[in-house]
């Protein structure tokens, strides 16, 4: 179900930074595992980063050292700080939440997400 809302996307040059935000108040707060995934035109959906309520995180190898996922429990906001962006990061980015645990080195959760958003576009030019 689409119950979350992403923002913060845009167009940047390679090497630049963006911070994505995801809000959804009660829906974001329901899940144990919150994540970001992305999908580029003509490509499969790809997990990017995931975080559990206890702070455990998981990142796909291609973003390790560049992206940081975090959550503000009080404000019920999920963030994705993206630094050193490269053209291959160009995609629609979605946030999602649901049950489950983070899966190491995949940027995903062990169970399908119950709630997600419409996405925010990130475009990185060389």
PDB file of N, CA and C in Angstrom:
ATOM      1  N   UNK A   1       0.842  -1.191   0.000  1.00  0.00           N
ATOM      2  CA  UNK A   1       0.000   0.000   0.000  1.00  0.00           C
ATOM      3  C   UNK A   1       0.877   1.240   0.000  1.00  0.00           C
ATOM      4  N   UNK A   2       0.462   2.227  -0.771  1.00  0.00           N
ATOM      5  CA  UNK A   2       1.204   3.478  -0.847  1.00  0.00           C
ATOM      6  C   UNK A   2       0.740   4.375   0.281  1.00  0.00           C
ATOM      7  N   UNK A   3       1.591   4.468   1.301  1.00  0.00           N
ATOM      8  CA  UNK A   3       1.239   5.294   2.446  1.00  0.00           C
ATOM      9  C   UNK A   3       2.372   6.202   2.890  1.00  0.00           C
ATOM     10  N   UNK A   4       3.502   6.119   2.220  1.00  0.00           N
ATOM     11  CA  UNK A   4       4.651   6.929   2.574  1.00  0.00           C
ATOM     12  C   UNK A   4       4.898   7.975   1.486  1.00  0.00           C
ATOM     13  N   UNK A   5       5.691   8.978   1.821  1.00  0.00           N
ATOM     14  CA  UNK A   5       5.966  10.038   0.855  1.00  0.00           C
ATOM     15  C   UNK A   5       7.442  10.393   0.896  1.00  0.00           C
ATOM     16  N   UNK A   6       8.089  10.273  -0.268  1.00  0.00           N
ATOM     17  CA  UNK A   6       9.496  10.597  -0.386  1.00  0.00           C
ATOM     18  C   UNK A   6       9.683  12.019  -0.908  1.00  0.00           C
ATOM     19  N   UNK A   7      10.817  12.616  -0.570  1.00  0.00           N
ATOM     20  CA  UNK A   7      11.183  13.935  -1.098  1.00  0.00           C
ATOM     21  C   UNK A   7      12.696  14.061  -1.073  1.00  0.00           C
ATOM     22  N   UNK A   8      13.201  15.082  -1.739  1.00  0.00           N
ATOM     23  CA  UNK A   8      14.634  15.353  -1.708  1.00  0.00           C
ATOM     24  C   UNK A   8      15.383  14.984  -2.970  1.00  0.00           C
ATOM     25  N   UNK A   9      14.706  14.354  -3.908  1.00  0.00           N
ATOM     26  CA  UNK A   9      15.374  14.000  -5.139  1.00  0.00           C
ATOM     27  C   UNK A   9      15.679  15.226  -5.984  1.00  0.00           C
ATOM     28  N   UNK A  10      16.449  15.023  -7.045  1.00  0.00           N
ATOM     29  CA  UNK A  10      16.788  16.134  -7.924  1.00  0.00           C
ATOM     30  C   UNK A  10      17.867  15.736  -8.896  1.00  0.00           C
ATOM     31  N   UNK A  11      18.407  16.751  -9.573  1.00  0.00           N
ATOM     32  CA  UNK A  11      19.473  16.539 -10.542  1.00  0.00           C
ATOM     33  C   UNK A  11      20.757  17.140 -10.008  1.00  0.00           C
ATOM     34  N   UNK A  12      21.811  16.328  -9.997  1.00  0.00           N
ATOM     35  CA  UNK A  12      23.106  16.788  -9.514  1.00  0.00           C
ATOM     36  C   UNK A  12      24.190  16.273 -10.439  1.00  0.00           C
ATOM     37  N   UNK A  13      25.350  16.885 -10.345  1.00  0.00           N
ATOM     38  CA  UNK A  13      26.503  16.394 -11.084  1.00  0.00           C
ATOM     39  C   UNK A  13      27.213  15.320 -10.278  1.00  0.00           C
ATOM     40  N   UNK A  14      27.940  14.505 -10.980  1.00  0.00           N
ATOM     41  CA  UNK A  14      28.703  13.450 -10.314  1.00  0.00           C
ATOM     42  C   UNK A  14      29.594  14.060  -9.237  1.00  0.00           C
ATOM     43  N   UNK A  15      29.629  13.370  -8.097  1.00  0.00           N
ATOM     44  CA  UNK A  15      30.385  13.880  -6.966  1.00  0.00           C
ATOM     45  C   UNK A  15      29.556  14.661  -5.976  1.00  0.00           C
ATOM     46  N   UNK A  16      28.348  15.017  -6.388  1.00  0.00           N
ATOM     47  CA  UNK A  16      27.478  15.797  -5.524  1.00  0.00           C
ATOM     48  C   UNK A  16      26.760  14.959  -4.496  1.00  0.00           C
ATOM     49  N   UNK A  17      25.909  15.628  -3.722  1.00  0.00           N
ATOM     50  CA  UNK A  17      25.189  14.974  -2.629  1.00  0.00           C
ATOM     51  C   UNK A  17      23.712  15.333  -2.663  1.00  0.00           C
ATOM     52  N   UNK A  18      22.900  14.432  -2.146  1.00  0.00           N
ATOM     53  CA  UNK A  18      21.477  14.670  -1.936  1.00  0.00           C
ATOM     54  C   UNK A  18      21.068  13.963  -0.658  1.00  0.00           C
ATOM     55  N   UNK A  19      20.031  14.477  -0.012  1.00  0.00           N
ATOM     56  CA  UNK A  19      19.476  13.780   1.134  1.00  0.00           C
ATOM     57  C   UNK A  19      17.987  13.548   0.880  1.00  0.00           C
ATOM     58  N   UNK A  20      17.632  12.296   0.843  1.00  0.00           N
ATOM     59  CA  UNK A  20      16.236  11.920   0.659  1.00  0.00           C
ATOM     60  C   UNK A  20      15.556  11.777   2.015  1.00  0.00           C
ATOM     61  N   UNK A  21      14.291  12.138   2.042  1.00  0.00           N
ATOM     62  CA  UNK A  21      13.490  11.993   3.259  1.00  0.00           C
ATOM     63  C   UNK A  21      12.244  11.196   2.943  1.00  0.00           C
ATOM     64  N   UNK A  22      11.759  10.504   3.942  1.00  0.00           N
ATOM     65  CA  UNK A  22      10.551   9.688   3.800  1.00  0.00           C
ATOM     66  C   UNK A  22       9.695   9.899   5.037  1.00  0.00           C
ATOM     67  N   UNK A  23       8.463  10.332   4.821  1.00  0.00           N
ATOM     68  CA  UNK A  23       7.556  10.539   5.950  1.00  0.00           C
ATOM     69  C   UNK A  23       6.308   9.696   5.733  1.00  0.00           C
ATOM     70  N   UNK A  24       5.645   9.409   6.809  1.00  0.00           N
ATOM     71  CA  UNK A  24       4.424   8.610   6.734  1.00  0.00           C
ATOM     72  C   UNK A  24       3.843   8.376   8.102  1.00  0.00           C
ATOM     73  N   UNK A  25       4.344   9.140   9.052  1.00  0.00           N
ATOM     74  CA  UNK A  25       3.904   9.126  10.445  1.00  0.00           C
ATOM     75  C   UNK A  25       3.603   7.707  10.923  1.00  0.00           C
ATOM     76  N   UNK A  26       2.336   7.398  11.139  1.00  0.00           N
ATOM     77  CA  UNK A  26       2.013   6.120  11.785  1.00  0.00           C
ATOM     78  C   UNK A  26       2.446   4.921  10.955  1.00  0.00           C
ATOM     79  N   UNK A  27       2.470   5.028   9.644  1.00  0.00           N
ATOM     80  CA  UNK A  27       2.844   3.883   8.821  1.00  0.00           C
ATOM     81  C   UNK A  27       4.326   3.605   8.923  1.00  0.00           C
ATOM     82  N   UNK A  28       5.132   4.669   8.906  1.00  0.00           N
ATOM     83  CA  UNK A  28       6.572   4.475   9.010  1.00  0.00           C
ATOM     84  C   UNK A  28       6.923   3.875  10.345  1.00  0.00           C
ATOM     85  N   UNK A  29       6.127   4.162  11.346  1.00  0.00           N
ATOM     86  CA  UNK A  29       6.437   3.712  12.690  1.00  0.00           C
ATOM     87  C   UNK A  29       5.996   2.289  12.952  1.00  0.00           C
ATOM     88  N   UNK A  30       5.259   1.706  12.036  1.00  0.00           N
ATOM     89  CA  UNK A  30       4.725   0.361  12.282  1.00  0.00           C
ATOM     90  C   UNK A  30       5.741  -0.730  12.037  1.00  0.00           C
ATOM     91  N   UNK A  31       6.652  -0.493  11.119  1.00  0.00           N
ATOM     92  CA  UNK A  31       7.557  -1.558  10.722  1.00  0.00           C
ATOM     93  C   UNK A  31       8.820  -1.610  11.549  1.00  0.00           C
ATOM     94  N   UNK A  32       9.435  -2.795  11.598  1.00  0.00           N
ATOM     95  CA  UNK A  32      10.726  -2.943  12.258  1.00  0.00           C
ATOM     96  C   UNK A  32      11.858  -2.672  11.285  1.00  0.00           C
ATOM     97  N   UNK A  33      11.594  -2.924  10.018  1.00  0.00           N
ATOM     98  CA  UNK A  33      12.640  -2.803   9.019  1.00  0.00           C
ATOM     99  C   UNK A  33      12.224  -1.763   7.985  1.00  0.00           C
ATOM    100  N   UNK A  34      12.973  -0.694   7.906  1.00  0.00           N
ATOM    101  CA  UNK A  34      12.697   0.380   6.961  1.00  0.00           C
ATOM    102  C   UNK A  34      13.809   0.411   5.928  1.00  0.00           C
ATOM    103  N   UNK A  35      13.469   0.715   4.692  1.00  0.00           N
ATOM    104  CA  UNK A  35      14.487   0.608   3.658  1.00  0.00           C
ATOM    105  C   UNK A  35      14.276   1.592   2.529  1.00  0.00           C
ATOM    106  N   UNK A  36      15.287   1.734   1.734  1.00  0.00           N
ATOM    107  CA  UNK A  36      15.233   2.458   0.475  1.00  0.00           C
ATOM    108  C   UNK A  36      15.588   1.469  -0.639  1.00  0.00           C
ATOM    109  N   UNK A  37      14.839   1.539  -1.720  1.00  0.00           N
ATOM    110  CA  UNK A  37      15.196   0.787  -2.905  1.00  0.00           C
ATOM    111  C   UNK A  37      15.070   1.698  -4.111  1.00  0.00           C
ATOM    112  N   UNK A  38      15.621   1.301  -5.223  1.00  0.00           N
ATOM    113  CA  UNK A  38      15.606   2.146  -6.418  1.00  0.00           C
ATOM    114  C   UNK A  38      15.349   1.310  -7.657  1.00  0.00           C
ATOM    115  N   UNK A  39      14.900   1.985  -8.682  1.00  0.00           N
ATOM    116  CA  UNK A  39      14.666   1.328  -9.958  1.00  0.00           C
ATOM    117  C   UNK A  39      14.970   2.300 -11.076  1.00  0.00           C
ATOM    118  N   UNK A  40      15.898   1.902 -11.919  1.00  0.00           N
ATOM    119  CA  UNK A  40      16.257   2.685 -13.097  1.00  0.00           C
ATOM    120  C   UNK A  40      15.479   2.144 -14.291  1.00  0.00           C
ATOM    121  N   UNK A  41      15.243   2.977 -15.304  1.00  0.00           N
ATOM    122  CA  UNK A  41      14.503   2.523 -16.485  1.00  0.00           C
ATOM    123  C   UNK A  41      15.143   1.288 -17.104  1.00  0.00           C
ATOM    124  N   UNK A  42      14.341   0.266 -17.327  1.00  0.00           N
ATOM    125  CA  UNK A  42      14.826  -0.936 -17.972  1.00  0.00           C
ATOM    126  C   UNK A  42      15.615  -1.871 -17.085  1.00  0.00           C
ATOM    127  N   UNK A  43      15.683  -1.538 -15.795  1.00  0.00           N
ATOM    128  CA  UNK A  43      16.443  -2.378 -14.871  1.00  0.00           C
ATOM    129  C   UNK A  43      15.549  -2.913 -13.758  1.00  0.00           C
ATOM    130  N   UNK A  44      16.005  -3.963 -13.108  1.00  0.00           N
ATOM    131  CA  UNK A  44      15.261  -4.533 -11.993  1.00  0.00           C
ATOM    132  C   UNK A  44      15.350  -3.621 -10.770  1.00  0.00           C
ATOM    133  N   UNK A  45      14.374  -3.781  -9.903  1.00  0.00           N
ATOM    134  CA  UNK A  45      14.393  -3.070  -8.625  1.00  0.00           C
ATOM    135  C   UNK A  45      15.615  -3.518  -7.823  1.00  0.00           C
ATOM    136  N   UNK A  46      16.256  -2.582  -7.135  1.00  0.00           N
ATOM    137  CA  UNK A  46      17.481  -2.897  -6.400  1.00  0.00           C
ATOM    138  C   UNK A  46      17.408  -2.334  -4.984  1.00  0.00           C
ATOM    139  N   UNK A  47      17.699  -3.172  -4.017  1.00  0.00           N
ATOM    140  CA  UNK A  47      17.787  -2.691  -2.647  1.00  0.00           C
ATOM    141  C   UNK A  47      18.990  -1.788  -2.498  1.00  0.00           C
ATOM    142  N   UNK A  48      18.841  -0.722  -1.715  1.00  0.00           N
ATOM    143  CA  UNK A  48      19.922   0.236  -1.518  1.00  0.00           C
ATOM    144  C   UNK A  48      20.417   0.203  -0.072  1.00  0.00           C
ATOM    145  N   UNK A  49      19.507   0.420   0.868  1.00  0.00           N
ATOM    146  CA  UNK A  49      19.893   0.475   2.278  1.00  0.00           C
ATOM    147  C   UNK A  49      18.681   0.159   3.143  1.00  0.00           C
ATOM    148  N   UNK A  50      18.941  -0.468   4.274  1.00  0.00           N
ATOM    149  CA  UNK A  50      17.866  -0.825   5.199  1.00  0.00           C
ATOM    150  C   UNK A  50      18.328  -0.597   6.626  1.00  0.00           C
ATOM    151  N   UNK A  51      17.376  -0.318   7.500  1.00  0.00           N
ATOM    152  CA  UNK A  51      17.699  -0.088   8.905  1.00  0.00           C
ATOM    153  C   UNK A  51      16.591  -0.656   9.777  1.00  0.00           C
ATOM    154  N   UNK A  52      16.980  -1.268  10.887  1.00  0.00           N
ATOM    155  CA  UNK A  52      16.017  -1.770  11.852  1.00  0.00           C
ATOM    156  C   UNK A  52      15.829  -0.744  12.964  1.00  0.00           C
ATOM    157  N   UNK A  53      14.799  -0.950  13.763  1.00  0.00           N
ATOM    158  CA  UNK A  53      14.543  -0.056  14.884  1.00  0.00           C
ATOM    159  C   UNK A  53      15.717   0.026  15.841  1.00  0.00           C
ATOM    160  N   UNK A  54      16.463  -1.092  15.982  1.00  0.00           N
ATOM    161  CA  UNK A  54      17.587  -1.092  16.925  1.00  0.00           C
ATOM    162  C   UNK A  54      18.848  -0.495  16.332  1.00  0.00           C
ATOM    163  N   UNK A  55      18.755  -0.030  15.094  1.00  0.00           N
ATOM    164  CA  UNK A  55      19.882   0.645  14.480  1.00  0.00           C
ATOM    165  C   UNK A  55      20.730  -0.181  13.541  1.00  0.00           C
ATOM    166  N   UNK A  56      20.470  -1.455  13.473  1.00  0.00           N
ATOM    167  CA  UNK A  56      21.235  -2.290  12.538  1.00  0.00           C
ATOM    168  C   UNK A  56      20.955  -1.837  11.117  1.00  0.00           C
ATOM    169  N   UNK A  57      22.007  -1.810  10.308  1.00  0.00           N
ATOM    170  CA  UNK A  57      21.872  -1.354   8.932  1.00  0.00           C
ATOM    171  C   UNK A  57      22.440  -2.372   7.951  1.00  0.00           C
ATOM    172  N   UNK A  58      22.029  -2.209   6.724  1.00  0.00           N
ATOM    173  CA  UNK A  58      22.540  -3.031   5.635  1.00  0.00           C
ATOM    174  C   UNK A  58      22.589  -2.177   4.386  1.00  0.00           C
ATOM    175  N   UNK A  59      23.669  -2.322   3.622  1.00  0.00           N
ATOM    176  CA  UNK A  59      23.826  -1.577   2.382  1.00  0.00           C
ATOM    177  C   UNK A  59      24.222  -2.522   1.256  1.00  0.00           C
ATOM    178  N   UNK A  60      23.744  -2.241   0.076  1.00  0.00           N
ATOM    179  CA  UNK A  60      24.229  -2.963  -1.093  1.00  0.00           C
ATOM    180  C   UNK A  60      25.660  -2.500  -1.346  1.00  0.00           C
ATOM    181  N   UNK A  61      26.482  -3.381  -1.875  1.00  0.00           N
ATOM    182  CA  UNK A  61      27.911  -3.083  -2.014  1.00  0.00           C
ATOM    183  C   UNK A  61      28.182  -1.801  -2.792  1.00  0.00           C
ATOM    184  N   UNK A  62      27.381  -1.519  -3.796  1.00  0.00           N
ATOM    185  CA  UNK A  62      27.666  -0.392  -4.683  1.00  0.00           C
ATOM    186  C   UNK A  62      27.518   0.970  -4.005  1.00  0.00           C
ATOM    187  N   UNK A  63      26.883   1.027  -2.828  1.00  0.00           N
ATOM    188  CA  UNK A  63      26.702   2.316  -2.166  1.00  0.00           C
ATOM    189  C   UNK A  63      27.449   2.405  -0.844  1.00  0.00           C
ATOM    190  N   UNK A  64      28.081   1.336  -0.448  1.00  0.00           N
ATOM    191  CA  UNK A  64      28.803   1.350   0.829  1.00  0.00           C
ATOM    192  C   UNK A  64      29.878   2.445   0.824  1.00  0.00           C
ATOM    193  N   UNK A  65      29.945   3.171   1.943  1.00  0.00           N
ATOM    194  CA  UNK A  65      30.907   4.257   2.054  1.00  0.00           C
ATOM    195  C   UNK A  65      30.443   5.553   1.436  1.00  0.00           C
ATOM    196  N   UNK A  66      29.321   5.519   0.719  1.00  0.00           N
ATOM    197  CA  UNK A  66      28.804   6.735   0.073  1.00  0.00           C
ATOM    198  C   UNK A  66      27.421   7.123   0.614  1.00  0.00           C
ATOM    199  N   UNK A  67      26.591   6.147   0.902  1.00  0.00           N
ATOM    200  CA  UNK A  67      25.223   6.405   1.365  1.00  0.00           C
ATOM    201  C   UNK A  67      25.101   6.048   2.842  1.00  0.00           C
ATOM    202  N   UNK A  68      24.234   6.781   3.545  1.00  0.00           N
ATOM    203  CA  UNK A  68      23.957   6.498   4.945  1.00  0.00           C
ATOM    204  C   UNK A  68      22.453   6.563   5.185  1.00  0.00           C
ATOM    205  N   UNK A  69      21.913   5.482   5.732  1.00  0.00           N
ATOM    206  CA  UNK A  69      20.496   5.447   6.073  1.00  0.00           C
ATOM    207  C   UNK A  69      20.354   5.749   7.560  1.00  0.00           C
ATOM    208  N   UNK A  70      19.328   6.491   7.900  1.00  0.00           N
ATOM    209  CA  UNK A  70      19.089   6.816   9.300  1.00  0.00           C
ATOM    210  C   UNK A  70      17.610   7.097   9.500  1.00  0.00           C
ATOM    211  N   UNK A  71      17.195   7.065  10.743  1.00  0.00           N
ATOM    212  CA  UNK A  71      15.805   7.366  11.040  1.00  0.00           C
ATOM    213  C   UNK A  71      15.722   8.246  12.272  1.00  0.00           C
ATOM    214  N   UNK A  72      14.771   9.145  12.232  1.00  0.00           N
ATOM    215  CA  UNK A  72      14.468   9.983  13.391  1.00  0.00           C
ATOM    216  C   UNK A  72      13.192   9.424  13.989  1.00  0.00           C
ATOM    217  N   UNK A  73      13.339   8.674  15.063  1.00  0.00           N
ATOM    218  CA  UNK A  73      12.183   8.015  15.654  1.00  0.00           C
ATOM    219  C   UNK A  73      11.145   8.975  16.174  1.00  0.00           C
ATOM    220  N   UNK A  74      11.611  10.082  16.732  1.00  0.00           N
ATOM    221  CA  UNK A  74      10.675  11.044  17.304  1.00  0.00           C
ATOM    222  C   UNK A  74       9.849  11.719  16.220  1.00  0.00           C
ATOM    223  N   UNK A  75      10.509  12.089  15.116  1.00  0.00           N
ATOM    224  CA  UNK A  75       9.811  12.776  14.029  1.00  0.00           C
ATOM    225  C   UNK A  75       9.223  11.808  13.018  1.00  0.00           C
ATOM    226  N   UNK A  76       9.566  10.525  13.171  1.00  0.00           N
ATOM    227  CA  UNK A  76       9.060   9.492  12.256  1.00  0.00           C
ATOM    228  C   UNK A  76       9.445   9.819  10.809  1.00  0.00           C
ATOM    229  N   UNK A  77      10.722  10.062  10.605  1.00  0.00           N
ATOM    230  CA  UNK A  77      11.261  10.346   9.283  1.00  0.00           C
ATOM    231  C   UNK A  77      12.410   9.380   9.009  1.00  0.00           C
ATOM    232  N   UNK A  78      12.446   8.874   7.807  1.00  0.00           N
ATOM    233  CA  UNK A  78      13.544   8.031   7.349  1.00  0.00           C
ATOM    234  C   UNK A  78      14.369   8.836   6.360  1.00  0.00           C
ATOM    235  N   UNK A  79      15.692   8.765   6.487  1.00  0.00           N
ATOM    236  CA  UNK A  79      16.574   9.535   5.614  1.00  0.00           C
ATOM    237  C   UNK A  79      17.494   8.618   4.825  1.00  0.00           C
ATOM    238  N   UNK A  80      17.969   9.148   3.709  1.00  0.00           N
ATOM    239  CA  UNK A  80      19.053   8.521   2.971  1.00  0.00           C
ATOM    240  C   UNK A  80      19.978   9.641   2.529  1.00  0.00           C
ATOM    241  N   UNK A  81      21.135   9.725   3.168  1.00  0.00           N
ATOM    242  CA  UNK A  81      22.156  10.696   2.784  1.00  0.00           C
ATOM    243  C   UNK A  81      23.009  10.062   1.711  1.00  0.00           C
ATOM    244  N   UNK A  82      23.068  10.706   0.558  1.00  0.00           N
ATOM    245  CA  UNK A  82      23.804  10.171  -0.577  1.00  0.00           C
ATOM    246  C   UNK A  82      24.920  11.118  -0.939  1.00  0.00           C
ATOM    247  N   UNK A  83      26.155  10.660  -0.792  1.00  0.00           N
ATOM    248  CA  UNK A  83      27.343  11.447  -1.127  1.00  0.00           C
ATOM    249  C   UNK A  83      28.093  10.794  -2.272  1.00  0.00           C
ATOM    250  N   UNK A  84      28.965  11.552  -2.881  1.00  0.00           N
ATOM    251  CA  UNK A  84      29.802  11.044  -3.978  1.00  0.00           C
ATOM    252  C   UNK A  84      28.944  10.329  -5.022  1.00  0.00           C
ATOM    253  N   UNK A  85      27.886  10.977  -5.426  1.00  0.00           N
ATOM    254  CA  UNK A  85      26.966  10.370  -6.381  1.00  0.00           C
ATOM    255  C   UNK A  85      27.640  10.151  -7.732  1.00  0.00           C
ATOM    256  N   UNK A  86      27.256   9.063  -8.368  1.00  0.00           N
ATOM    257  CA  UNK A  86      27.774   8.698  -9.682  1.00  0.00           C
ATOM    258  C   UNK A  86      26.589   8.509 -10.626  1.00  0.00           C
ATOM    259  N   UNK A  87      26.818   8.590 -11.939  1.00  0.00           N
ATOM    260  CA  UNK A  87      25.693   8.436 -12.888  1.00  0.00           C
ATOM    261  C   UNK A  87      24.910   7.135 -12.699  1.00  0.00           C
ATOM    262  N   UNK A  88      25.590   6.087 -12.263  1.00  0.00           N
ATOM    263  CA  UNK A  88      24.911   4.800 -12.051  1.00  0.00           C
ATOM    264  C   UNK A  88      23.897   4.839 -10.910  1.00  0.00           C
ATOM    265  N   UNK A  89      23.911   5.911 -10.121  1.00  0.00           N
ATOM    266  CA  UNK A  89      22.922   6.059  -9.047  1.00  0.00           C
ATOM    267  C   UNK A  89      21.605   6.636  -9.566  1.00  0.00           C
ATOM    268  N   UNK A  90      21.567   7.027 -10.813  1.00  0.00           N
ATOM    269  CA  UNK A  90      20.347   7.590 -11.388  1.00  0.00           C
ATOM    270  C   UNK A  90      19.216   6.575 -11.372  1.00  0.00           C
ATOM    271  N   UNK A  91      18.122   6.937 -10.739  1.00  0.00           N
ATOM    272  CA  UNK A  91      16.986   6.018 -10.605  1.00  0.00           C
ATOM    273  C   UNK A  91      15.865   6.727  -9.860  1.00  0.00           C
ATOM    274  N   UNK A  92      14.707   6.062  -9.830  1.00  0.00           N
ATOM    275  CA  UNK A  92      13.631   6.490  -8.945  1.00  0.00           C
ATOM    276  C   UNK A  92      13.890   5.803  -7.613  1.00  0.00           C
ATOM    277  N   UNK A  93      13.864   6.557  -6.536  1.00  0.00           N
ATOM    278  CA  UNK A  93      14.132   6.020  -5.205  1.00  0.00           C
ATOM    279  C   UNK A  93      12.836   5.961  -4.401  1.00  0.00           C
ATOM    280  N   UNK A  94      12.641   4.822  -3.754  1.00  0.00           N
ATOM    281  CA  UNK A  94      11.440   4.597  -2.969  1.00  0.00           C
ATOM    282  C   UNK A  94      11.817   4.232  -1.537  1.00  0.00           C
ATOM    283  N   UNK A  95      10.990   4.629  -0.581  1.00  0.00           N
ATOM    284  CA  UNK A  95      11.142   4.156   0.779  1.00  0.00           C
ATOM    285  C   UNK A  95      10.026   3.150   1.062  1.00  0.00           C
ATOM    286  N   UNK A  96      10.292   2.277   2.015  1.00  0.00           N
ATOM    287  CA  UNK A  96       9.323   1.247   2.356  1.00  0.00           C
ATOM    288  C   UNK A  96       9.544   0.809   3.796  1.00  0.00           C
ATOM    289  N   UNK A  97       8.526   0.252   4.384  1.00  0.00           N
ATOM    290  CA  UNK A  97       8.641  -0.235   5.747  1.00  0.00           C
ATOM    291  C   UNK A  97       7.770  -1.467   5.923  1.00  0.00           C
ATOM    292  N   UNK A  98       8.174  -2.304   6.868  1.00  0.00           N
ATOM    293  CA  UNK A  98       7.420  -3.506   7.132  1.00  0.00           C
ATOM    294  C   UNK A  98       8.110  -4.325   8.204  1.00  0.00           C
ATOM    295  N   UNK A  99       7.673  -5.560   8.340  1.00  0.00           N
ATOM    296  CA  UNK A  99       8.265  -6.462   9.325  1.00  0.00           C
ATOM    297  C   UNK A  99       9.589  -7.006   8.794  1.00  0.00           C
ATOM    298  N   UNK A 100      10.251  -7.794   9.628  1.00  0.00           N
ATOM    299  CA  UNK A 100      11.465  -8.439   9.185  1.00  0.00           C
ATOM    300  C   UNK A 100      12.727  -7.822   9.741  1.00  0.00           C
ATOM    301  N   UNK A 101      13.845  -8.337   9.300  1.00  0.00           N
ATOM    302  CA  UNK A 101      15.163  -7.894   9.745  1.00  0.00           C
ATOM    303  C   UNK A 101      15.998  -7.516   8.533  1.00  0.00           C
ATOM    304  N   UNK A 102      17.007  -6.722   8.743  1.00  0.00           N
ATOM    305  CA  UNK A 102      17.873  -6.378   7.621  1.00  0.00           C
ATOM    306  C   UNK A 102      18.621  -7.620   7.169  1.00  0.00           C
ATOM    307  N   UNK A 103      18.891  -7.705   5.892  1.00  0.00           N
ATOM    308  CA  UNK A 103      19.677  -8.793   5.321  1.00  0.00           C
ATOM    309  C   UNK A 103      21.038  -8.212   4.959  1.00  0.00           C
ATOM    310  N   UNK A 104      22.085  -8.794   5.516  1.00  0.00           N
ATOM    311  CA  UNK A 104      23.427  -8.244   5.372  1.00  0.00           C
ATOM    312  C   UNK A 104      23.836  -8.072   3.912  1.00  0.00           C
ATOM    313  N   UNK A 105      24.470  -6.914   3.652  1.00  0.00           N
ATOM    314  CA  UNK A 105      25.075  -6.642   2.351  1.00  0.00           C
ATOM    315  C   UNK A 105      24.108  -6.600   1.173  1.00  0.00           C
ATOM    316  N   UNK A 106      22.820  -6.409   1.450  1.00  0.00           N
ATOM    317  CA  UNK A 106      21.847  -6.366   0.361  1.00  0.00           C
ATOM    318  C   UNK A 106      21.040  -5.074   0.337  1.00  0.00           C
ATOM    319  N   UNK A 107      21.012  -4.370   1.450  1.00  0.00           N
ATOM    320  CA  UNK A 107      20.171  -3.181   1.524  1.00  0.00           C
ATOM    321  C   UNK A 107      18.700  -3.505   1.512  1.00  0.00           C
ATOM    322  N   UNK A 108      18.330  -4.699   1.941  1.00  0.00           N
ATOM    323  CA  UNK A 108      16.933  -5.116   1.938  1.00  0.00           C
ATOM    324  C   UNK A 108      16.518  -5.681   3.287  1.00  0.00           C
ATOM    325  N   UNK A 109      15.219  -5.933   3.416  1.00  0.00           N
ATOM    326  CA  UNK A 109      14.665  -6.545   4.608  1.00  0.00           C
ATOM    327  C   UNK A 109      14.272  -7.981   4.288  1.00  0.00           C
ATOM    328  N   UNK A 110      14.191  -8.805   5.335  1.00  0.00           N
ATOM    329  CA  UNK A 110      13.948 -10.230   5.137  1.00  0.00           C
ATOM    330  C   UNK A 110      12.519 -10.528   4.707  1.00  0.00           C
ATOM    331  N   UNK A 111      11.600  -9.598   4.922  1.00  0.00           N
ATOM    332  CA  UNK A 111      10.212  -9.800   4.534  1.00  0.00           C
ATOM    333  C   UNK A 111       9.766  -8.672   3.609  1.00  0.00           C
ATOM    334  N   UNK A 112       8.749  -8.934   2.832  1.00  0.00           N
ATOM    335  CA  UNK A 112       8.200  -7.913   1.942  1.00  0.00           C
ATOM    336  C   UNK A 112       7.671  -6.733   2.754  1.00  0.00           C
ATOM    337  N   UNK A 113       7.865  -5.536   2.222  1.00  0.00           N
ATOM    338  CA  UNK A 113       7.391  -4.334   2.910  1.00  0.00           C
ATOM    339  C   UNK A 113       5.880  -4.203   2.768  1.00  0.00           C
ATOM    340  N   UNK A 114       5.283  -3.674   3.840  1.00  0.00           N
ATOM    341  CA  UNK A 114       3.835  -3.501   3.824  1.00  0.00           C
ATOM    342  C   UNK A 114       3.423  -2.149   3.253  1.00  0.00           C
ATOM    343  N   UNK A 115       4.297  -1.159   3.398  1.00  0.00           N
ATOM    344  CA  UNK A 115       3.973   0.192   2.964  1.00  0.00           C
ATOM    345  C   UNK A 115       5.146   0.770   2.190  1.00  0.00           C
ATOM    346  N   UNK A 116       4.829   1.583   1.201  1.00  0.00           N
ATOM    347  CA  UNK A 116       5.864   2.237   0.402  1.00  0.00           C
ATOM    348  C   UNK A 116       5.315   3.527  -0.171  1.00  0.00           C
ATOM    349  N   UNK A 117       6.186   4.288  -0.863  1.00  0.00           N
ATOM    350  CA  UNK A 117       5.769   5.567  -1.415  1.00  0.00           C
ATOM    351  C   UNK A 117       5.768   5.554  -2.929  1.00  0.00           C
ATOM    352  N   UNK A 118       5.527   6.749  -3.509  1.00  0.00           N
ATOM    353  CA  UNK A 118       5.486   6.887  -4.971  1.00  0.00           C
ATOM    354  C   UNK A 118       6.858   7.092  -5.567  1.00  0.00           C
ATOM    355  N   UNK A 119       7.842   7.425  -4.756  1.00  0.00           N
ATOM    356  CA  UNK A 119       9.189   7.583  -5.246  1.00  0.00           C
ATOM    357  C   UNK A 119       9.596   9.025  -5.490  1.00  0.00           C
ATOM    358  N   UNK A 120      10.909   9.247  -5.535  1.00  0.00           N
ATOM    359  CA  UNK A 120      11.478  10.547  -5.865  1.00  0.00           C
ATOM    360  C   UNK A 120      12.649  10.305  -6.821  1.00  0.00           C
ATOM    361  N   UNK A 121      12.716  11.087  -7.873  1.00  0.00           N
ATOM    362  CA  UNK A 121      13.702  10.870  -8.933  1.00  0.00           C
ATOM    363  C   UNK A 121      15.052  11.479  -8.563  1.00  0.00           C
ATOM    364  N   UNK A 122      16.092  10.690  -8.774  1.00  0.00           N
ATOM    365  CA  UNK A 122      17.468  11.151  -8.605  1.00  0.00           C
ATOM    366  C   UNK A 122      18.174  10.994  -9.944  1.00  0.00           C
ATOM    367  N   UNK A 123      18.739  12.076 -10.444  1.00  0.00           N
ATOM    368  CA  UNK A 123      19.447  12.054 -11.712  1.00  0.00           C
ATOM    369  C   UNK A 123      20.845  12.616 -11.503  1.00  0.00           C
ATOM    370  N   UNK A 124      21.844  11.821 -11.853  1.00  0.00           N
ATOM    371  CA  UNK A 124      23.239  12.221 -11.681  1.00  0.00           C
ATOM    372  C   UNK A 124      23.881  12.312 -13.061  1.00  0.00           C
ATOM    373  N   UNK A 125      24.403  13.465 -13.397  1.00  0.00           N
ATOM    374  CA  UNK A 125      25.037  13.673 -14.696  1.00  0.00           C
ATOM    375  C   UNK A 125      26.550  13.639 -14.556  1.00  0.00           C
ATOM    376  N   UNK A 126      27.191  13.199 -15.605  1.00  0.00           N
ATOM    377  CA  UNK A 126      28.655  13.077 -15.574  1.00  0.00           C
ATOM    378  C   UNK A 126      29.328  14.366 -15.975  1.00  0.00           C
TER     379      UNK A 126
END
